[in-house]
Structure formats: structure tokens, C-alpha cells
């Protein structure tokens, strides 16, 4: 049975959705939007049904987080909201939602939409979960001009296998750099290869790095 995650701070609404979809889907639900991301990573749902207006952490922010995190970015997100579709549908689609349903929900149409989304299937998730996290690093290597360099930077996201960060110097895809964590002390955490280059022509280039070797001091380890 395929699995869905329901995120809505109204327990009656969560109960109704679960009841109406229970003949087809296994449902996990939460009224706490801050818990939703952890549940998505734990249960690997096939689709996410998301309310918009919730305390502490809005559905807009959550939709964007689901869509930007590599491990959940390919999960269909269907917004179910008491707010007008005319007002918010386009904005939600821009954040990564695949459909928008107003309350009260047209459940036959919701079932058809879920079936259509899940029948298509989605590509395999990446092996590594990426998490948005700023970590101070020092990179040491050779730049595109063949000159040795050391540069301080900070990550945009990290995984067990690599990280994404900015660099002011021109670097070559395939080059390998030494990576150091910078804090109260500085210590070596591994050697990483440049596997992706983004924003060509910008003053600050963004590079994706994949570890060829790393120590147990790296901030994100496989469990």
C-alpha cells in the first residue's frame, strides 16, 4: 500500500482525510509542521498532503523545504487549504506543489489526482540526504590557473558524501581539494572532488563537492 503524509494542524481535518483515503493509502499524519520534515525522512511517503495556514511554520515554508531538500524534492506535494486557490495556487506551484485543493475537499478528484501522480512514479532519491546547514570550512588546493590556494567559505547544504559552497576563485571540475573544519580549532576532515559548477560568470561561483575520502570528524555521517 502506498504511503501518504498529511500535515494539518486541524485534527478533525486530518482524521477526515485519513478516513476517506484509508481504503487506498497508508497515512501518517502530524499537526506539527516542525515535525513534518522528520516524518518525511523517516517514512519516505509517496505523496504529501499539506495545509497552508499553520502556527510557527507555514505551509509555504514547508512546501519550499520539501521541494529543495534532495531526499524529498521528488515527492508530489498536494496543498489542501481553506484559502482560495485563485489567491495562492500559482505561488504554491512556484514553491514546488503539484496540485491545489480547496476545503471542503473534493475527495473523488483528490483520489484521481493522487493516482495520476503516483502512477507516473518518480526517479530514485539520491543516496545521500542533503540538509541545509552553514558550516565554516577551509579549502586548500590548486585553482583553475594552476596556483595553490587556501580559502575560507561556508556550506549551503551538506550530506554524508559531500557539500555545496561558494568560492571566489575559479576552480576546475574534477579538481580535488583538502577540506578543513574551521572553529575554535582547525582540523582536516577529508579530500573532496568538484563534481558540479553552478552560476558561471557570477563573481562568486558555487561548487558541489563529493568526498573521495573523509574522517569521522565530518559533521554528517551515514547511520
C-alpha atoms as a PDB file:
ATOM      1  CA  UNK A   1       0.000   0.000   0.000  1.00  0.00           C
ATOM      2  CA  UNK A   2       1.377   3.412  -0.931  1.00  0.00           C
ATOM      3  CA  UNK A   3       2.050   5.853   1.870  1.00  0.00           C
ATOM      4  CA  UNK A   4       0.993   9.481   2.273  1.00  0.00           C
ATOM      5  CA  UNK A   5       1.974  12.125   4.815  1.00  0.00           C
ATOM      6  CA  UNK A   6      -0.779  14.500   5.975  1.00  0.00           C
ATOM      7  CA  UNK A   7       0.325  17.801   7.528  1.00  0.00           C
ATOM      8  CA  UNK A   8      -2.527  19.866   9.005  1.00  0.00           C
ATOM      9  CA  UNK A   9      -2.911  21.483  12.417  1.00  0.00           C
ATOM     10  CA  UNK A  10      -6.657  20.641  12.471  1.00  0.00           C
ATOM     11  CA  UNK A  11      -7.039  17.109  13.957  1.00  0.00           C
ATOM     12  CA  UNK A  12     -10.587  16.783  12.605  1.00  0.00           C
ATOM     13  CA  UNK A  13      -9.360  17.501   9.079  1.00  0.00           C
ATOM     14  CA  UNK A  14      -6.504  15.014   9.411  1.00  0.00           C
ATOM     15  CA  UNK A  15      -8.959  12.394  10.637  1.00  0.00           C
ATOM     16  CA  UNK A  16     -11.338  13.022   7.754  1.00  0.00           C
ATOM     17  CA  UNK A  17      -8.592  12.775   5.122  1.00  0.00           C
ATOM     18  CA  UNK A  18      -7.263   9.559   6.658  1.00  0.00           C
ATOM     19  CA  UNK A  19     -10.742   8.031   6.745  1.00  0.00           C
ATOM     20  CA  UNK A  20     -11.561   8.953   3.140  1.00  0.00           C
ATOM     21  CA  UNK A  21      -8.233   7.683   1.794  1.00  0.00           C
ATOM     22  CA  UNK A  22      -7.702   4.669   4.077  1.00  0.00           C
ATOM     23  CA  UNK A  23      -9.022   2.191   1.517  1.00  0.00           C
ATOM     24  CA  UNK A  24      -6.180   3.067  -0.843  1.00  0.00           C
ATOM     25  CA  UNK A  25      -3.332   4.601   1.150  1.00  0.00           C
ATOM     26  CA  UNK A  26      -1.490   4.154   4.410  1.00  0.00           C
ATOM     27  CA  UNK A  27      -1.500   7.552   6.114  1.00  0.00           C
ATOM     28  CA  UNK A  28       0.952   9.136   8.533  1.00  0.00           C
ATOM     29  CA  UNK A  29      -0.167  12.460   9.937  1.00  0.00           C
ATOM     30  CA  UNK A  30       1.014  15.300  12.106  1.00  0.00           C
ATOM     31  CA  UNK A  31      -0.382  18.600  13.326  1.00  0.00           C
ATOM     32  CA  UNK A  32       3.122  19.923  13.977  1.00  0.00           C
ATOM     33  CA  UNK A  33       4.721  21.362  10.832  1.00  0.00           C
ATOM     34  CA  UNK A  34       8.122  21.327  12.535  1.00  0.00           C
ATOM     35  CA  UNK A  35       7.825  17.529  12.843  1.00  0.00           C
ATOM     36  CA  UNK A  36       6.761  17.034   9.226  1.00  0.00           C
ATOM     37  CA  UNK A  37      10.221  17.031   7.672  1.00  0.00           C
ATOM     38  CA  UNK A  38      11.498  14.432  10.136  1.00  0.00           C
ATOM     39  CA  UNK A  39       8.473  12.221   9.393  1.00  0.00           C
ATOM     40  CA  UNK A  40       9.072  12.549   5.654  1.00  0.00           C
ATOM     41  CA  UNK A  41      12.683  11.450   6.061  1.00  0.00           C
ATOM     42  CA  UNK A  42      11.686   8.575   8.350  1.00  0.00           C
ATOM     43  CA  UNK A  43       8.688   7.178   6.454  1.00  0.00           C
ATOM     44  CA  UNK A  44       9.572   8.081   2.846  1.00  0.00           C
ATOM     45  CA  UNK A  45       5.964   8.861   1.803  1.00  0.00           C
ATOM     46  CA  UNK A  46       4.829   8.576  -1.802  1.00  0.00           C
ATOM     47  CA  UNK A  47       2.927  11.879  -1.556  1.00  0.00           C
ATOM     48  CA  UNK A  48       2.467  14.752   0.896  1.00  0.00           C
ATOM     49  CA  UNK A  49      -0.862  16.486   1.617  1.00  0.00           C
ATOM     50  CA  UNK A  50      -0.109  19.903   3.067  1.00  0.00           C
ATOM     51  CA  UNK A  51      -2.172  22.623   4.749  1.00  0.00           C
ATOM     52  CA  UNK A  52      -1.009  26.230   4.351  1.00  0.00           C
ATOM     53  CA  UNK A  53      -2.019  28.191   7.437  1.00  0.00           C
ATOM     54  CA  UNK A  54      -0.356  26.605  10.454  1.00  0.00           C
ATOM     55  CA  UNK A  55       1.315  28.057  13.549  1.00  0.00           C
ATOM     56  CA  UNK A  56       5.084  28.540  13.855  1.00  0.00           C
ATOM     57  CA  UNK A  57       5.945  27.219  10.387  1.00  0.00           C
ATOM     58  CA  UNK A  58       3.682  27.947   7.434  1.00  0.00           C
ATOM     59  CA  UNK A  59       2.807  25.521   4.678  1.00  0.00           C
ATOM     60  CA  UNK A  60       4.538  27.835   2.216  1.00  0.00           C
ATOM     61  CA  UNK A  61       7.848  27.447   4.037  1.00  0.00           C
ATOM     62  CA  UNK A  62       7.337  23.718   4.445  1.00  0.00           C
ATOM     63  CA  UNK A  63       6.483  23.250   0.771  1.00  0.00           C
ATOM     64  CA  UNK A  64       9.662  25.046  -0.207  1.00  0.00           C
ATOM     65  CA  UNK A  65      11.713  22.959   2.240  1.00  0.00           C
ATOM     66  CA  UNK A  66      10.291  19.683   0.914  1.00  0.00           C
ATOM     67  CA  UNK A  67      10.972  20.779  -2.647  1.00  0.00           C
ATOM     68  CA  UNK A  68      14.534  21.985  -2.003  1.00  0.00           C
ATOM     69  CA  UNK A  69      15.759  19.055   0.110  1.00  0.00           C
ATOM     70  CA  UNK A  70      17.117  16.468  -2.311  1.00  0.00           C
ATOM     71  CA  UNK A  71      15.675  13.461  -0.466  1.00  0.00           C
ATOM     72  CA  UNK A  72      12.116  14.824  -0.577  1.00  0.00           C
ATOM     73  CA  UNK A  73      12.281  17.018  -3.703  1.00  0.00           C
ATOM     74  CA  UNK A  74      10.651  14.405  -5.958  1.00  0.00           C
ATOM     75  CA  UNK A  75       7.708  13.633  -3.669  1.00  0.00           C
ATOM     76  CA  UNK A  76       4.442  15.098  -5.056  1.00  0.00           C
ATOM     77  CA  UNK A  77       3.102  17.829  -2.763  1.00  0.00           C
ATOM     78  CA  UNK A  78      -0.643  18.467  -2.850  1.00  0.00           C
ATOM     79  CA  UNK A  79      -1.844  21.552  -0.996  1.00  0.00           C
ATOM     80  CA  UNK A  80      -5.190  21.252   0.806  1.00  0.00           C
ATOM     81  CA  UNK A  81      -6.225  24.622   2.176  1.00  0.00           C
ATOM     82  CA  UNK A  82      -9.148  26.731   3.279  1.00  0.00           C
ATOM     83  CA  UNK A  83      -7.584  29.611   1.361  1.00  0.00           C
ATOM     84  CA  UNK A  84      -8.726  30.481  -2.152  1.00  0.00           C
ATOM     85  CA  UNK A  85      -6.914  28.747  -5.000  1.00  0.00           C
ATOM     86  CA  UNK A  86      -7.135  31.951  -7.013  1.00  0.00           C
ATOM     87  CA  UNK A  87      -5.095  33.662  -4.313  1.00  0.00           C
ATOM     88  CA  UNK A  88      -2.385  31.095  -3.602  1.00  0.00           C
ATOM     89  CA  UNK A  89      -2.339  28.302  -6.212  1.00  0.00           C
ATOM     90  CA  UNK A  90       0.240  29.859  -8.527  1.00  0.00           C
ATOM     91  CA  UNK A  91       2.515  30.770  -5.628  1.00  0.00           C
ATOM     92  CA  UNK A  92       2.346  27.215  -4.259  1.00  0.00           C
ATOM     93  CA  UNK A  93       3.157  25.773  -7.676  1.00  0.00           C
ATOM     94  CA  UNK A  94       6.188  28.035  -7.835  1.00  0.00           C
ATOM     95  CA  UNK A  95       7.280  26.607  -4.481  1.00  0.00           C
ATOM     96  CA  UNK A  96       7.001  23.046  -5.819  1.00  0.00           C
ATOM     97  CA  UNK A  97       3.396  21.939  -5.207  1.00  0.00           C
ATOM     98  CA  UNK A  98       1.866  19.741  -7.910  1.00  0.00           C
ATOM     99  CA  UNK A  99      -1.819  20.452  -7.119  1.00  0.00           C
ATOM    100  CA  UNK A 100      -4.077  22.687  -5.013  1.00  0.00           C
ATOM    101  CA  UNK A 101      -7.398  21.664  -3.411  1.00  0.00           C
ATOM    102  CA  UNK A 102      -9.704  23.998  -1.503  1.00  0.00           C
ATOM    103  CA  UNK A 103     -11.585  22.878   1.596  1.00  0.00           C
ATOM    104  CA  UNK A 104     -14.114  21.283   1.682  1.00  0.00           C
ATOM    105  CA  UNK A 105     -12.165  18.732  -0.315  1.00  0.00           C
ATOM    106  CA  UNK A 106     -13.480  17.058  -3.438  1.00  0.00           C
ATOM    107  CA  UNK A 107     -12.272  13.594  -2.408  1.00  0.00           C
ATOM    108  CA  UNK A 108     -13.048  11.757  -5.682  1.00  0.00           C
ATOM    109  CA  UNK A 109     -10.973  14.363  -7.516  1.00  0.00           C
ATOM    110  CA  UNK A 110      -8.222  14.167  -4.882  1.00  0.00           C
ATOM    111  CA  UNK A 111      -8.072  10.386  -5.313  1.00  0.00           C
ATOM    112  CA  UNK A 112      -7.826  10.786  -9.083  1.00  0.00           C
ATOM    113  CA  UNK A 113      -5.016  13.310  -8.704  1.00  0.00           C
ATOM    114  CA  UNK A 114      -3.094  11.119  -6.274  1.00  0.00           C
ATOM    115  CA  UNK A 115      -3.484   8.090  -8.540  1.00  0.00           C
ATOM    116  CA  UNK A 116      -2.260  10.071 -11.549  1.00  0.00           C
ATOM    117  CA  UNK A 117       0.761  11.451  -9.684  1.00  0.00           C
ATOM    118  CA  UNK A 118       1.786   8.123  -8.215  1.00  0.00           C
ATOM    119  CA  UNK A 119       1.179   6.143 -11.394  1.00  0.00           C
ATOM    120  CA  UNK A 120       3.804   8.227 -13.131  1.00  0.00           C
ATOM    121  CA  UNK A 121       6.305   7.242 -10.485  1.00  0.00           C
ATOM    122  CA  UNK A 122       9.292   9.326  -9.555  1.00  0.00           C
ATOM    123  CA  UNK A 123      13.033   8.840 -10.041  1.00  0.00           C
ATOM    124  CA  UNK A 124      15.045   7.200  -7.299  1.00  0.00           C
ATOM    125  CA  UNK A 125      16.063   9.504  -4.500  1.00  0.00           C
ATOM    126  CA  UNK A 126      19.709  10.363  -4.152  1.00  0.00           C
ATOM    127  CA  UNK A 127      21.670   8.028  -1.919  1.00  0.00           C
ATOM    128  CA  UNK A 128      22.520  10.850   0.450  1.00  0.00           C
ATOM    129  CA  UNK A 129      20.137  13.135   2.277  1.00  0.00           C
ATOM    130  CA  UNK A 130      21.160  16.764   1.909  1.00  0.00           C
ATOM    131  CA  UNK A 131      20.424  19.212   4.692  1.00  0.00           C
ATOM    132  CA  UNK A 132      20.650  22.987   4.554  1.00  0.00           C
ATOM    133  CA  UNK A 133      23.399  23.843   7.010  1.00  0.00           C
ATOM    134  CA  UNK A 134      26.043  26.538   7.240  1.00  0.00           C
ATOM    135  CA  UNK A 135      29.418  25.139   8.268  1.00  0.00           C
ATOM    136  CA  UNK A 136      32.664  27.094   8.167  1.00  0.00           C
ATOM    137  CA  UNK A 137      35.273  25.353   6.010  1.00  0.00           C
ATOM    138  CA  UNK A 138      38.745  25.980   4.663  1.00  0.00           C
ATOM    139  CA  UNK A 139      39.506  24.603   1.212  1.00  0.00           C
ATOM    140  CA  UNK A 140      43.097  24.017   0.106  1.00  0.00           C
ATOM    141  CA  UNK A 141      44.124  23.039  -3.404  1.00  0.00           C
ATOM    142  CA  UNK A 142      45.034  24.355  -6.854  1.00  0.00           C
ATOM    143  CA  UNK A 143      42.839  26.809  -8.757  1.00  0.00           C
ATOM    144  CA  UNK A 144      41.998  26.916 -12.477  1.00  0.00           C
ATOM    145  CA  UNK A 145      45.223  28.875 -13.150  1.00  0.00           C
ATOM    146  CA  UNK A 146      47.374  26.219 -11.512  1.00  0.00           C
ATOM    147  CA  UNK A 147      48.082  28.336  -8.442  1.00  0.00           C
ATOM    148  CA  UNK A 148      47.905  26.910  -4.906  1.00  0.00           C
ATOM    149  CA  UNK A 149      45.156  28.494  -2.803  1.00  0.00           C
ATOM    150  CA  UNK A 150      43.536  28.443   0.620  1.00  0.00           C
ATOM    151  CA  UNK A 151      40.066  29.915   1.003  1.00  0.00           C
ATOM    152  CA  UNK A 152      37.568  30.218   3.832  1.00  0.00           C
ATOM    153  CA  UNK A 153      33.968  29.526   2.869  1.00  0.00           C
ATOM    154  CA  UNK A 154      30.679  28.259   4.318  1.00  0.00           C
ATOM    155  CA  UNK A 155      28.440  25.448   3.103  1.00  0.00           C
ATOM    156  CA  UNK A 156      24.896  25.926   1.803  1.00  0.00           C
ATOM    157  CA  UNK A 157      23.998  22.285   2.291  1.00  0.00           C
ATOM    158  CA  UNK A 158      25.768  19.135   3.440  1.00  0.00           C
ATOM    159  CA  UNK A 159      25.386  15.372   3.176  1.00  0.00           C
ATOM    160  CA  UNK A 160      27.332  12.338   4.322  1.00  0.00           C
ATOM    161  CA  UNK A 161      29.111  12.342   0.963  1.00  0.00           C
ATOM    162  CA  UNK A 162      29.709  15.988   0.179  1.00  0.00           C
ATOM    163  CA  UNK A 163      28.652  19.630   0.335  1.00  0.00           C
ATOM    164  CA  UNK A 164      27.745  22.728  -1.690  1.00  0.00           C
ATOM    165  CA  UNK A 165      29.519  26.037  -1.121  1.00  0.00           C
ATOM    166  CA  UNK A 166      30.612  29.296  -2.733  1.00  0.00           C
ATOM    167  CA  UNK A 167      34.141  30.103  -3.784  1.00  0.00           C
ATOM    168  CA  UNK A 168      35.565  33.375  -5.148  1.00  0.00           C
ATOM    169  CA  UNK A 169      38.364  31.624  -7.032  1.00  0.00           C
ATOM    170  CA  UNK A 170      37.906  29.860 -10.395  1.00  0.00           C
ATOM    171  CA  UNK A 171      38.128  26.101  -9.866  1.00  0.00           C
ATOM    172  CA  UNK A 172      38.100  23.239 -12.359  1.00  0.00           C
ATOM    173  CA  UNK A 173      35.508  20.466 -12.336  1.00  0.00           C
ATOM    174  CA  UNK A 174      37.268  17.257 -11.342  1.00  0.00           C
ATOM    175  CA  UNK A 175      39.865  19.003  -9.176  1.00  0.00           C
ATOM    176  CA  UNK A 176      40.436  17.659  -5.659  1.00  0.00           C
ATOM    177  CA  UNK A 177      40.805  19.855  -2.576  1.00  0.00           C
ATOM    178  CA  UNK A 178      41.683  19.260   1.050  1.00  0.00           C
ATOM    179  CA  UNK A 179      38.800  20.148   3.390  1.00  0.00           C
ATOM    180  CA  UNK A 180      39.187  21.503   6.924  1.00  0.00           C
ATOM    181  CA  UNK A 181      36.519  22.298   9.520  1.00  0.00           C
ATOM    182  CA  UNK A 182      37.095  25.755  10.986  1.00  0.00           C
ATOM    183  CA  UNK A 183      36.073  26.616  14.525  1.00  0.00           C
ATOM    184  CA  UNK A 184      37.927  27.093  17.784  1.00  0.00           C
ATOM    185  CA  UNK A 185      40.482  24.841  16.136  1.00  0.00           C
ATOM    186  CA  UNK A 186      41.037  23.800  12.537  1.00  0.00           C
ATOM    187  CA  UNK A 187      41.165  20.138  11.576  1.00  0.00           C
ATOM    188  CA  UNK A 188      41.317  18.069   8.428  1.00  0.00           C
ATOM    189  CA  UNK A 189      38.096  16.194   7.540  1.00  0.00           C
ATOM    190  CA  UNK A 190      38.843  14.804   4.089  1.00  0.00           C
ATOM    191  CA  UNK A 191      39.594  15.269   0.414  1.00  0.00           C
ATOM    192  CA  UNK A 192      36.734  16.216  -1.924  1.00  0.00           C
ATOM    193  CA  UNK A 193      36.367  16.397  -5.705  1.00  0.00           C
ATOM    194  CA  UNK A 194      34.482  19.143  -7.547  1.00  0.00           C
ATOM    195  CA  UNK A 195      31.594  17.387  -9.302  1.00  0.00           C
ATOM    196  CA  UNK A 196      29.377  20.366 -10.170  1.00  0.00           C
ATOM    197  CA  UNK A 197      29.824  24.030 -11.007  1.00  0.00           C
ATOM    198  CA  UNK A 198      26.928  26.493 -10.859  1.00  0.00           C
ATOM    199  CA  UNK A 199      26.341  30.176 -11.718  1.00  0.00           C
ATOM    200  CA  UNK A 200      29.116  30.576 -14.347  1.00  0.00           C
ATOM    201  CA  UNK A 201      30.100  34.192 -14.885  1.00  0.00           C
ATOM    202  CA  UNK A 202      28.983  35.326 -11.421  1.00  0.00           C
ATOM    203  CA  UNK A 203      31.539  36.925  -9.062  1.00  0.00           C
ATOM    204  CA  UNK A 204      31.090  34.024  -6.657  1.00  0.00           C
ATOM    205  CA  UNK A 205      30.938  30.543  -8.159  1.00  0.00           C
ATOM    206  CA  UNK A 206      29.022  27.767  -6.430  1.00  0.00           C
ATOM    207  CA  UNK A 207      30.575  24.302  -6.429  1.00  0.00           C
ATOM    208  CA  UNK A 208      29.321  20.870  -5.483  1.00  0.00           C
ATOM    209  CA  UNK A 209      31.930  18.661  -3.803  1.00  0.00           C
ATOM    210  CA  UNK A 210      31.936  14.882  -3.313  1.00  0.00           C
ATOM    211  CA  UNK A 211      34.259  13.307  -0.751  1.00  0.00           C
ATOM    212  CA  UNK A 212      36.832  10.868  -2.053  1.00  0.00           C
ATOM    213  CA  UNK A 213      37.924  10.223   1.497  1.00  0.00           C
ATOM    214  CA  UNK A 214      36.754  11.658   4.807  1.00  0.00           C
ATOM    215  CA  UNK A 215      37.360  11.302   8.524  1.00  0.00           C
ATOM    216  CA  UNK A 216      34.885  10.621  11.317  1.00  0.00           C
ATOM    217  CA  UNK A 217      35.056  14.347  12.164  1.00  0.00           C
ATOM    218  CA  UNK A 218      32.841  15.284   9.194  1.00  0.00           C
ATOM    219  CA  UNK A 219      29.565  16.709  10.509  1.00  0.00           C
ATOM    220  CA  UNK A 220      27.247  14.298   8.690  1.00  0.00           C
ATOM    221  CA  UNK A 221      27.856  10.535   8.796  1.00  0.00           C
ATOM    222  CA  UNK A 222      25.803   7.665   7.375  1.00  0.00           C
ATOM    223  CA  UNK A 223      23.799   5.820  10.023  1.00  0.00           C
END
